[in-house]
Amino acid sequence: MAENGECQIYSVRPHKCRSNISTSVKACISTRNAVEVQEIKHLHNVITTETVNKYKSKGCVMHPTELTQGILAALDNEELPEKWANGVQVYELLPERIML
């Protein structure tokens, strides 16, 4: 939290978090309490679904991976991006093991 009480990462918060708002810094800190904005949640779901469908229609793997780790893996093994584009799961999944 910034000295003035504002959230320091609000402008760069993860996309998934953007469907939540909080009117109280204290509530965020003590209870992680935030209100879900239904319109933003709906639009997020539409964008996610369309993105997954487009990747699948092109034969690409669309399982979420941590960006930095994925880039480092691709830099270490230049064959990974081509394998990925051909539908092979080459990048480590997120800890939640999400498969789309």
PDB file of N, CA and C in Angstrom:
ATOM      1  N   MET A   1       0.841  -1.165   0.000  1.00  0.00           N
ATOM      2  CA  MET A   1       0.000   0.000   0.000  1.00  0.00           C
ATOM      3  C   MET A   1       0.895   1.239   0.000  1.00  0.00           C
ATOM      4  N   ALA A   2       0.521   2.215  -0.781  1.00  0.00           N
ATOM      5  CA  ALA A   2       1.271   3.467  -0.840  1.00  0.00           C
ATOM      6  C   ALA A   2       1.065   4.261   0.451  1.00  0.00           C
ATOM      7  N   GLU A   3       1.930   5.234   0.670  1.00  0.00           N
ATOM      8  CA  GLU A   3       1.835   6.044   1.883  1.00  0.00           C
ATOM      9  C   GLU A   3       0.488   6.739   2.017  1.00  0.00           C
ATOM     10  N   ASN A   4      -0.139   7.077   0.884  1.00  0.00           N
ATOM     11  CA  ASN A   4      -1.426   7.771   0.932  1.00  0.00           C
ATOM     12  C   ASN A   4      -2.597   6.795   1.075  1.00  0.00           C
ATOM     13  N   GLY A   5      -2.316   5.497   1.241  1.00  0.00           N
ATOM     14  CA  GLY A   5      -3.355   4.506   1.460  1.00  0.00           C
ATOM     15  C   GLY A   5      -3.897   3.863   0.203  1.00  0.00           C
ATOM     16  N   GLU A   6      -3.405   4.268  -0.960  1.00  0.00           N
ATOM     17  CA  GLU A   6      -3.891   3.684  -2.203  1.00  0.00           C
ATOM     18  C   GLU A   6      -3.159   2.381  -2.522  1.00  0.00           C
ATOM     19  N   CYS A   7      -3.845   1.522  -3.241  1.00  0.00           N
ATOM     20  CA  CYS A   7      -3.267   0.256  -3.674  1.00  0.00           C
ATOM     21  C   CYS A   7      -2.174   0.533  -4.699  1.00  0.00           C
ATOM     22  N   GLN A   8      -1.013  -0.079  -4.520  1.00  0.00           N
ATOM     23  CA  GLN A   8       0.111   0.178  -5.411  1.00  0.00           C
ATOM     24  C   GLN A   8       0.036  -0.589  -6.723  1.00  0.00           C
ATOM     25  N   ILE A   9      -0.721  -1.662  -6.784  1.00  0.00           N
ATOM     26  CA  ILE A   9      -0.758  -2.436  -8.021  1.00  0.00           C
ATOM     27  C   ILE A   9      -2.091  -2.311  -8.767  1.00  0.00           C
ATOM     28  N   TYR A  10      -2.976  -1.447  -8.314  1.00  0.00           N
ATOM     29  CA  TYR A  10      -4.310  -1.373  -8.897  1.00  0.00           C
ATOM     30  C   TYR A  10      -4.265  -1.207 -10.415  1.00  0.00           C
ATOM     31  N   SER A  11      -3.432  -0.334 -10.920  1.00  0.00           N
ATOM     32  CA  SER A  11      -3.407  -0.064 -12.363  1.00  0.00           C
ATOM     33  C   SER A  11      -2.814  -1.209 -13.173  1.00  0.00           C
ATOM     34  N   VAL A  12      -2.088  -2.114 -12.522  1.00  0.00           N
ATOM     35  CA  VAL A  12      -1.486  -3.240 -13.236  1.00  0.00           C
ATOM     36  C   VAL A  12      -1.923  -4.586 -12.657  1.00  0.00           C
ATOM     37  N   ARG A  13      -3.049  -4.581 -11.936  1.00  0.00           N
ATOM     38  CA  ARG A  13      -3.523  -5.815 -11.306  1.00  0.00           C
ATOM     39  C   ARG A  13      -3.835  -6.865 -12.378  1.00  0.00           C
ATOM     40  N   PRO A  14      -3.755  -8.129 -12.020  1.00  0.00           N
ATOM     41  CA  PRO A  14      -4.025  -9.192 -12.987  1.00  0.00           C
ATOM     42  C   PRO A  14      -5.422  -9.071 -13.599  1.00  0.00           C
ATOM     43  N   HIS A  15      -5.536  -9.497 -14.841  1.00  0.00           N
ATOM     44  CA  HIS A  15      -6.790  -9.381 -15.570  1.00  0.00           C
ATOM     45  C   HIS A  15      -7.951 -10.011 -14.803  1.00  0.00           C
ATOM     46  N   LYS A  16      -7.726 -11.181 -14.217  1.00  0.00           N
ATOM     47  CA  LYS A  16      -8.779 -11.878 -13.488  1.00  0.00           C
ATOM     48  C   LYS A  16      -9.286 -11.048 -12.305  1.00  0.00           C
ATOM     49  N   CYS A  17      -8.419 -10.239 -11.721  1.00  0.00           N
ATOM     50  CA  CYS A  17      -8.810  -9.428 -10.564  1.00  0.00           C
ATOM     51  C   CYS A  17      -9.614  -8.196 -10.957  1.00  0.00           C
ATOM     52  N   ARG A  18      -9.622  -7.848 -12.228  1.00  0.00           N
ATOM     53  CA  ARG A  18     -10.281  -6.622 -12.649  1.00  0.00           C
ATOM     54  C   ARG A  18     -11.797  -6.677 -12.540  1.00  0.00           C
ATOM     55  N   SER A  19     -12.371  -7.853 -12.330  1.00  0.00           N
ATOM     56  CA  SER A  19     -13.823  -7.931 -12.159  1.00  0.00           C
ATOM     57  C   SER A  19     -14.221  -7.665 -10.710  1.00  0.00           C
ATOM     58  N   ASN A  20     -13.251  -7.396  -9.863  1.00  0.00           N
ATOM     59  CA  ASN A  20     -13.529  -7.108  -8.453  1.00  0.00           C
ATOM     60  C   ASN A  20     -13.130  -5.691  -8.115  1.00  0.00           C
ATOM     61  N   ILE A  21     -13.939  -5.051  -7.288  1.00  0.00           N
ATOM     62  CA  ILE A  21     -13.602  -3.714  -6.798  1.00  0.00           C
ATOM     63  C   ILE A  21     -13.744  -3.705  -5.281  1.00  0.00           C
ATOM     64  N   SER A  22     -13.100  -2.777  -4.673  1.00  0.00           N
ATOM     65  CA  SER A  22     -13.255  -2.594  -3.238  1.00  0.00           C
ATOM     66  C   SER A  22     -13.329  -1.107  -2.964  1.00  0.00           C
ATOM     67  N   THR A  23     -14.208  -0.769  -2.069  1.00  0.00           N
ATOM     68  CA  THR A  23     -14.326   0.635  -1.686  1.00  0.00           C
ATOM     69  C   THR A  23     -13.608   0.911  -0.377  1.00  0.00           C
ATOM     70  N   SER A  24     -12.899  -0.101   0.124  1.00  0.00           N
ATOM     71  CA  SER A  24     -12.232   0.053   1.409  1.00  0.00           C
ATOM     72  C   SER A  24     -10.872  -0.626   1.396  1.00  0.00           C
ATOM     73  N   VAL A  25      -9.807   0.152   1.520  1.00  0.00           N
ATOM     74  CA  VAL A  25      -8.465  -0.419   1.605  1.00  0.00           C
ATOM     75  C   VAL A  25      -8.373  -1.312   2.833  1.00  0.00           C
ATOM     76  N   LYS A  26      -8.963  -0.876   3.943  1.00  0.00           N
ATOM     77  CA  LYS A  26      -8.933  -1.666   5.179  1.00  0.00           C
ATOM     78  C   LYS A  26      -9.572  -3.038   4.964  1.00  0.00           C
ATOM     79  N   ALA A  27     -10.703  -3.068   4.239  1.00  0.00           N
ATOM     80  CA  ALA A  27     -11.378  -4.347   3.976  1.00  0.00           C
ATOM     81  C   ALA A  27     -10.507  -5.256   3.116  1.00  0.00           C
ATOM     82  N   CYS A  28      -9.837  -4.684   2.141  1.00  0.00           N
ATOM     83  CA  CYS A  28      -8.954  -5.482   1.283  1.00  0.00           C
ATOM     84  C   CYS A  28      -7.826  -6.109   2.098  1.00  0.00           C
ATOM     85  N   ILE A  29      -7.229  -5.321   2.955  1.00  0.00           N
ATOM     86  CA  ILE A  29      -6.092  -5.793   3.730  1.00  0.00           C
ATOM     87  C   ILE A  29      -6.522  -6.829   4.768  1.00  0.00           C
ATOM     88  N   SER A  30      -7.597  -6.549   5.491  1.00  0.00           N
ATOM     89  CA  SER A  30      -7.966  -7.436   6.596  1.00  0.00           C
ATOM     90  C   SER A  30      -8.747  -8.664   6.162  1.00  0.00           C
ATOM     91  N   THR A  31      -9.600  -8.554   5.145  1.00  0.00           N
ATOM     92  CA  THR A  31     -10.461  -9.685   4.788  1.00  0.00           C
ATOM     93  C   THR A  31     -10.392 -10.069   3.322  1.00  0.00           C
ATOM     94  N   ARG A  32      -9.636  -9.325   2.537  1.00  0.00           N
ATOM     95  CA  ARG A  32      -9.611  -9.545   1.089  1.00  0.00           C
ATOM     96  C   ARG A  32     -11.026  -9.429   0.516  1.00  0.00           C
ATOM     97  N   ASN A  33     -11.829  -8.566   1.130  1.00  0.00           N
ATOM     98  CA  ASN A  33     -13.222  -8.400   0.752  1.00  0.00           C
ATOM     99  C   ASN A  33     -13.343  -7.445  -0.426  1.00  0.00           C
ATOM    100  N   ALA A  34     -13.903  -7.931  -1.508  1.00  0.00           N
ATOM    101  CA  ALA A  34     -14.123  -7.101  -2.679  1.00  0.00           C
ATOM    102  C   ALA A  34     -15.464  -7.469  -3.289  1.00  0.00           C
ATOM    103  N   VAL A  35     -16.051  -6.533  -3.993  1.00  0.00           N
ATOM    104  CA  VAL A  35     -17.344  -6.748  -4.634  1.00  0.00           C
ATOM    105  C   VAL A  35     -17.109  -7.086  -6.105  1.00  0.00           C
ATOM    106  N   GLU A  36     -17.802  -8.114  -6.572  1.00  0.00           N
ATOM    107  CA  GLU A  36     -17.658  -8.518  -7.959  1.00  0.00           C
ATOM    108  C   GLU A  36     -18.540  -7.641  -8.847  1.00  0.00           C
ATOM    109  N   VAL A  37     -17.989  -7.132  -9.943  1.00  0.00           N
ATOM    110  CA  VAL A  37     -18.742  -6.330 -10.897  1.00  0.00           C
ATOM    111  C   VAL A  37     -19.192  -7.270 -12.008  1.00  0.00           C
ATOM    112  N   GLN A  38     -20.483  -7.537 -12.068  1.00  0.00           N
ATOM    113  CA  GLN A  38     -21.006  -8.555 -12.973  1.00  0.00           C
ATOM    114  C   GLN A  38     -20.736  -8.252 -14.447  1.00  0.00           C
ATOM    115  N   GLU A  39     -20.849  -6.998 -14.867  1.00  0.00           N
ATOM    116  CA  GLU A  39     -20.604  -6.669 -16.276  1.00  0.00           C
ATOM    117  C   GLU A  39     -19.157  -6.968 -16.667  1.00  0.00           C
ATOM    118  N   ILE A  40     -18.212  -6.610 -15.797  1.00  0.00           N
ATOM    119  CA  ILE A  40     -16.806  -6.887 -16.085  1.00  0.00           C
ATOM    120  C   ILE A  40     -16.561  -8.397 -16.081  1.00  0.00           C
ATOM    121  N   LYS A  41     -17.151  -9.107 -15.137  1.00  0.00           N
ATOM    122  CA  LYS A  41     -16.986 -10.561 -15.082  1.00  0.00           C
ATOM    123  C   LYS A  41     -17.521 -11.200 -16.359  1.00  0.00           C
ATOM    124  N   HIS A  42     -18.695 -10.766 -16.812  1.00  0.00           N
ATOM    125  CA  HIS A  42     -19.281 -11.310 -18.040  1.00  0.00           C
ATOM    126  C   HIS A  42     -18.373 -11.049 -19.244  1.00  0.00           C
ATOM    127  N   LEU A  43     -17.905  -9.814 -19.390  1.00  0.00           N
ATOM    128  CA  LEU A  43     -17.035  -9.480 -20.522  1.00  0.00           C
ATOM    129  C   LEU A  43     -15.720 -10.253 -20.460  1.00  0.00           C
ATOM    130  N   HIS A  44     -15.182 -10.439 -19.266  1.00  0.00           N
ATOM    131  CA  HIS A  44     -13.971 -11.238 -19.094  1.00  0.00           C
ATOM    132  C   HIS A  44     -14.212 -12.658 -19.583  1.00  0.00           C
ATOM    133  N   ASN A  45     -15.354 -13.238 -19.211  1.00  0.00           N
ATOM    134  CA  ASN A  45     -15.675 -14.595 -19.635  1.00  0.00           C
ATOM    135  C   ASN A  45     -15.840 -14.695 -21.152  1.00  0.00           C
ATOM    136  N   VAL A  46     -16.461 -13.696 -21.773  1.00  0.00           N
ATOM    137  CA  VAL A  46     -16.633 -13.682 -23.230  1.00  0.00           C
ATOM    138  C   VAL A  46     -15.272 -13.627 -23.917  1.00  0.00           C
ATOM    139  N   ILE A  47     -14.410 -12.726 -23.462  1.00  0.00           N
ATOM    140  CA  ILE A  47     -13.069 -12.598 -24.053  1.00  0.00           C
ATOM    141  C   ILE A  47     -12.285 -13.895 -23.884  1.00  0.00           C
ATOM    142  N   THR A  48     -12.338 -14.474 -22.700  1.00  0.00           N
ATOM    143  CA  THR A  48     -11.610 -15.714 -22.437  1.00  0.00           C
ATOM    144  C   THR A  48     -12.105 -16.839 -23.337  1.00  0.00           C
ATOM    145  N   THR A  49     -13.419 -16.998 -23.437  1.00  0.00           N
ATOM    146  CA  THR A  49     -14.000 -18.060 -24.260  1.00  0.00           C
ATOM    147  C   THR A  49     -13.612 -17.889 -25.726  1.00  0.00           C
ATOM    148  N   GLU A  50     -13.720 -16.680 -26.247  1.00  0.00           N
ATOM    149  CA  GLU A  50     -13.383 -16.432 -27.647  1.00  0.00           C
ATOM    150  C   GLU A  50     -11.892 -16.655 -27.914  1.00  0.00           C
ATOM    151  N   THR A  51     -11.052 -16.277 -26.971  1.00  0.00           N
ATOM    152  CA  THR A  51      -9.610 -16.489 -27.125  1.00  0.00           C
ATOM    153  C   THR A  51      -9.289 -17.973 -27.160  1.00  0.00           C
ATOM    154  N   VAL A  52      -9.852 -18.729 -26.231  1.00  0.00           N
ATOM    155  CA  VAL A  52      -9.627 -20.176 -26.191  1.00  0.00           C
ATOM    156  C   VAL A  52     -10.113 -20.814 -27.490  1.00  0.00           C
ATOM    157  N   ASN A  53     -11.299 -20.429 -27.954  1.00  0.00           N
ATOM    158  CA  ASN A  53     -11.837 -21.001 -29.190  1.00  0.00           C
ATOM    159  C   ASN A  53     -10.951 -20.687 -30.396  1.00  0.00           C
ATOM    160  N   LYS A  54     -10.420 -19.490 -30.461  1.00  0.00           N
ATOM    161  CA  LYS A  54      -9.543 -19.114 -31.587  1.00  0.00           C
ATOM    162  C   LYS A  54      -8.254 -19.925 -31.560  1.00  0.00           C
ATOM    163  N   TYR A  55      -7.643 -20.059 -30.395  1.00  0.00           N
ATOM    164  CA  TYR A  55      -6.432 -20.877 -30.290  1.00  0.00           C
ATOM    165  C   TYR A  55      -6.716 -22.310 -30.704  1.00  0.00           C
ATOM    166  N   LYS A  56      -7.837 -22.870 -30.197  1.00  0.00           N
ATOM    167  CA  LYS A  56      -8.180 -24.254 -30.539  1.00  0.00           C
ATOM    168  C   LYS A  56      -8.432 -24.406 -32.033  1.00  0.00           C
ATOM    169  N   SER A  57      -9.082 -23.423 -32.663  1.00  0.00           N
ATOM    170  CA  SER A  57      -9.362 -23.520 -34.100  1.00  0.00           C
ATOM    171  C   SER A  57      -8.079 -23.495 -34.925  1.00  0.00           C
ATOM    172  N   LYS A  58      -7.029 -22.926 -34.376  1.00  0.00           N
ATOM    173  CA  LYS A  58      -5.729 -22.883 -35.043  1.00  0.00           C
ATOM    174  C   LYS A  58      -4.846 -24.059 -34.658  1.00  0.00           C
ATOM    175  N   GLY A  59      -5.347 -24.926 -33.756  1.00  0.00           N
ATOM    176  CA  GLY A  59      -4.590 -26.100 -33.341  1.00  0.00           C
ATOM    177  C   GLY A  59      -3.520 -25.829 -32.304  1.00  0.00           C
ATOM    178  N   CYS A  60      -3.576 -24.657 -31.677  1.00  0.00           N
ATOM    179  CA  CYS A  60      -2.576 -24.298 -30.661  1.00  0.00           C
ATOM    180  C   CYS A  60      -3.065 -24.698 -29.272  1.00  0.00           C
ATOM    181  N   VAL A  61      -2.135 -25.007 -28.407  1.00  0.00           N
ATOM    182  CA  VAL A  61      -2.451 -25.328 -27.019  1.00  0.00           C
ATOM    183  C   VAL A  61      -2.749 -24.025 -26.283  1.00  0.00           C
ATOM    184  N   MET A  62      -3.800 -24.033 -25.473  1.00  0.00           N
ATOM    185  CA  MET A  62      -4.211 -22.812 -24.784  1.00  0.00           C
ATOM    186  C   MET A  62      -4.279 -23.008 -23.280  1.00  0.00           C
ATOM    187  N   HIS A  63      -3.423 -23.848 -22.708  1.00  0.00           N
ATOM    188  CA  HIS A  63      -3.415 -24.027 -21.266  1.00  0.00           C
ATOM    189  C   HIS A  63      -2.618 -22.890 -20.634  1.00  0.00           C
ATOM    190  N   PRO A  64      -3.167 -22.240 -19.600  1.00  0.00           N
ATOM    191  CA  PRO A  64      -2.452 -21.136 -18.978  1.00  0.00           C
ATOM    192  C   PRO A  64      -1.103 -21.566 -18.405  1.00  0.00           C
ATOM    193  N   THR A  65      -0.120 -20.724 -18.602  1.00  0.00           N
ATOM    194  CA  THR A  65       1.206 -20.946 -18.046  1.00  0.00           C
ATOM    195  C   THR A  65       1.717 -19.619 -17.506  1.00  0.00           C
ATOM    196  N   GLU A  66       2.650 -19.661 -16.604  1.00  0.00           N
ATOM    197  CA  GLU A  66       3.219 -18.428 -16.067  1.00  0.00           C
ATOM    198  C   GLU A  66       4.109 -17.815 -17.140  1.00  0.00           C
ATOM    199  N   LEU A  67       3.849 -16.576 -17.508  1.00  0.00           N
ATOM    200  CA  LEU A  67       4.491 -15.934 -18.654  1.00  0.00           C
ATOM    201  C   LEU A  67       6.010 -15.940 -18.582  1.00  0.00           C
ATOM    202  N   THR A  68       6.569 -15.514 -17.471  1.00  0.00           N
ATOM    203  CA  THR A  68       8.026 -15.441 -17.360  1.00  0.00           C
ATOM    204  C   THR A  68       8.661 -16.816 -17.522  1.00  0.00           C
ATOM    205  N   GLN A  69       8.076 -17.828 -16.876  1.00  0.00           N
ATOM    206  CA  GLN A  69       8.621 -19.181 -16.996  1.00  0.00           C
ATOM    207  C   GLN A  69       8.503 -19.705 -18.421  1.00  0.00           C
ATOM    208  N   GLY A  70       7.395 -19.385 -19.087  1.00  0.00           N
ATOM    209  CA  GLY A  70       7.219 -19.803 -20.475  1.00  0.00           C
ATOM    210  C   GLY A  70       8.250 -19.174 -21.400  1.00  0.00           C
ATOM    211  N   ILE A  71       8.508 -17.899 -21.209  1.00  0.00           N
ATOM    212  CA  ILE A  71       9.509 -17.204 -22.029  1.00  0.00           C
ATOM    213  C   ILE A  71      10.894 -17.777 -21.779  1.00  0.00           C
ATOM    214  N   LEU A  72      11.234 -17.994 -20.514  1.00  0.00           N
ATOM    215  CA  LEU A  72      12.549 -18.560 -20.203  1.00  0.00           C
ATOM    216  C   LEU A  72      12.710 -19.951 -20.821  1.00  0.00           C
ATOM    217  N   ALA A  73      11.648 -20.763 -20.771  1.00  0.00           N
ATOM    218  CA  ALA A  73      11.706 -22.103 -21.364  1.00  0.00           C
ATOM    219  C   ALA A  73      11.910 -22.000 -22.877  1.00  0.00           C
ATOM    220  N   ALA A  74      11.205 -21.074 -23.531  1.00  0.00           N
ATOM    221  CA  ALA A  74      11.339 -20.897 -24.984  1.00  0.00           C
ATOM    222  C   ALA A  74      12.731 -20.400 -25.352  1.00  0.00           C
ATOM    223  N   LEU A  75      13.325 -19.569 -24.510  1.00  0.00           N
ATOM    224  CA  LEU A  75      14.683 -19.085 -24.786  1.00  0.00           C
ATOM    225  C   LEU A  75      15.711 -20.201 -24.594  1.00  0.00           C
ATOM    226  N   ASP A  76      15.457 -21.097 -23.648  1.00  0.00           N
ATOM    227  CA  ASP A  76      16.362 -22.221 -23.408  1.00  0.00           C
ATOM    228  C   ASP A  76      16.256 -23.302 -24.473  1.00  0.00           C
ATOM    229  N   ASN A  77      15.072 -23.434 -25.067  1.00  0.00           N
ATOM    230  CA  ASN A  77      14.845 -24.478 -26.073  1.00  0.00           C
ATOM    231  C   ASN A  77      14.055 -23.865 -27.225  1.00  0.00           C
ATOM    232  N   GLU A  78      14.744 -23.497 -28.283  1.00  0.00           N
ATOM    233  CA  GLU A  78      14.088 -22.784 -29.380  1.00  0.00           C
ATOM    234  C   GLU A  78      13.102 -23.643 -30.168  1.00  0.00           C
ATOM    235  N   GLU A  79      13.018 -24.945 -29.878  1.00  0.00           N
ATOM    236  CA  GLU A  79      12.038 -25.810 -30.539  1.00  0.00           C
ATOM    237  C   GLU A  79      10.657 -25.716 -29.886  1.00  0.00           C
ATOM    238  N   LEU A  80      10.590 -25.224 -28.657  1.00  0.00           N
ATOM    239  CA  LEU A  80       9.322 -25.197 -27.928  1.00  0.00           C
ATOM    240  C   LEU A  80       8.225 -24.388 -28.620  1.00  0.00           C
ATOM    241  N   PRO A  81       8.501 -23.164 -29.104  1.00  0.00           N
ATOM    242  CA  PRO A  81       7.406 -22.413 -29.739  1.00  0.00           C
ATOM    243  C   PRO A  81       6.799 -23.143 -30.941  1.00  0.00           C
ATOM    244  N   GLU A  82       7.614 -23.781 -31.747  1.00  0.00           N
ATOM    245  CA  GLU A  82       7.078 -24.502 -32.906  1.00  0.00           C
ATOM    246  C   GLU A  82       6.276 -25.721 -32.463  1.00  0.00           C
ATOM    247  N   LYS A  83       6.779 -26.445 -31.470  1.00  0.00           N
ATOM    248  CA  LYS A  83       6.032 -27.592 -30.945  1.00  0.00           C
ATOM    249  C   LYS A  83       4.692 -27.128 -30.375  1.00  0.00           C
ATOM    250  N   TRP A  84       4.718 -26.019 -29.627  1.00  0.00           N
ATOM    251  CA  TRP A  84       3.487 -25.468 -29.059  1.00  0.00           C
ATOM    252  C   TRP A  84       2.501 -25.116 -30.167  1.00  0.00           C
ATOM    253  N   ALA A  85       2.993 -24.452 -31.222  1.00  0.00           N
ATOM    254  CA  ALA A  85       2.130 -24.059 -32.339  1.00  0.00           C
ATOM    255  C   ALA A  85       1.541 -25.271 -33.053  1.00  0.00           C
ATOM    256  N   ASN A  86       2.183 -26.420 -32.921  1.00  0.00           N
ATOM    257  CA  ASN A  86       1.679 -27.648 -33.537  1.00  0.00           C
ATOM    258  C   ASN A  86       0.820 -28.473 -32.583  1.00  0.00           C
ATOM    259  N   GLY A  87       0.455 -27.880 -31.450  1.00  0.00           N
ATOM    260  CA  GLY A  87      -0.495 -28.523 -30.550  1.00  0.00           C
ATOM    261  C   GLY A  87       0.091 -29.354 -29.434  1.00  0.00           C
ATOM    262  N   VAL A  88       1.385 -29.259 -29.207  1.00  0.00           N
ATOM    263  CA  VAL A  88       2.028 -30.038 -28.145  1.00  0.00           C
ATOM    264  C   VAL A  88       2.065 -29.208 -26.860  1.00  0.00           C
ATOM    265  N   GLN A  89       1.712 -29.812 -25.730  1.00  0.00           N
ATOM    266  CA  GLN A  89       1.804 -29.134 -24.439  1.00  0.00           C
ATOM    267  C   GLN A  89       3.261 -29.150 -24.001  1.00  0.00           C
ATOM    268  N   VAL A  90       3.966 -28.037 -24.166  1.00  0.00           N
ATOM    269  CA  VAL A  90       5.400 -27.996 -23.870  1.00  0.00           C
ATOM    270  C   VAL A  90       5.732 -27.114 -22.668  1.00  0.00           C
ATOM    271  N   TYR A  91       4.807 -26.285 -22.248  1.00  0.00           N
ATOM    272  CA  TYR A  91       5.072 -25.376 -21.133  1.00  0.00           C
ATOM    273  C   TYR A  91       4.423 -25.906 -19.861  1.00  0.00           C
ATOM    274  N   GLU A  92       5.064 -25.654 -18.729  1.00  0.00           N
ATOM    275  CA  GLU A  92       4.522 -26.093 -17.445  1.00  0.00           C
ATOM    276  C   GLU A  92       3.198 -25.396 -17.174  1.00  0.00           C
ATOM    277  N   LEU A  93       2.258 -26.147 -16.623  1.00  0.00           N
ATOM    278  CA  LEU A  93       0.972 -25.575 -16.260  1.00  0.00           C
ATOM    279  C   LEU A  93       1.111 -24.764 -14.980  1.00  0.00           C
ATOM    280  N   LEU A  94       0.141 -23.901 -14.742  1.00  0.00           N
ATOM    281  CA  LEU A  94       0.082 -23.182 -13.479  1.00  0.00           C
ATOM    282  C   LEU A  94      -0.094 -24.185 -12.347  1.00  0.00           C
ATOM    283  N   PRO A  95       0.219 -23.799 -11.117  1.00  0.00           N
ATOM    284  CA  PRO A  95       0.084 -24.730  -9.986  1.00  0.00           C
ATOM    285  C   PRO A  95      -1.318 -25.335  -9.861  1.00  0.00           C
ATOM    286  N   GLU A  96      -2.337 -24.601 -10.335  1.00  0.00           N
ATOM    287  CA  GLU A  96      -3.697 -25.118 -10.248  1.00  0.00           C
ATOM    288  C   GLU A  96      -3.967 -26.208 -11.271  1.00  0.00           C
ATOM    289  N   ARG A  97      -2.992 -26.464 -12.153  1.00  0.00           N
ATOM    290  CA  ARG A  97      -3.086 -27.506 -13.195  1.00  0.00           C
ATOM    291  C   ARG A  97      -4.279 -27.270 -14.129  1.00  0.00           C
ATOM    292  N   ILE A  98      -4.539 -26.020 -14.472  1.00  0.00           N
ATOM    293  CA  ILE A  98      -5.672 -25.660 -15.328  1.00  0.00           C
ATOM    294  C   ILE A  98      -5.426 -26.186 -16.747  1.00  0.00           C
ATOM    295  N   MET A  99      -6.400 -26.913 -17.268  1.00  0.00           N
ATOM    296  CA  MET A  99      -6.346 -27.402 -18.635  1.00  0.00           C
ATOM    297  C   MET A  99      -7.599 -26.894 -19.355  1.00  0.00           C
ATOM    298  N   LEU A 100      -7.423 -26.245 -20.495  1.00  0.00           N
ATOM    299  CA  LEU A 100      -8.576 -25.729 -21.251  1.00  0.00           C
ATOM    300  C   LEU A 100      -8.840 -26.605 -22.457  1.00  0.00           C
TER     301      LEU A 100
END
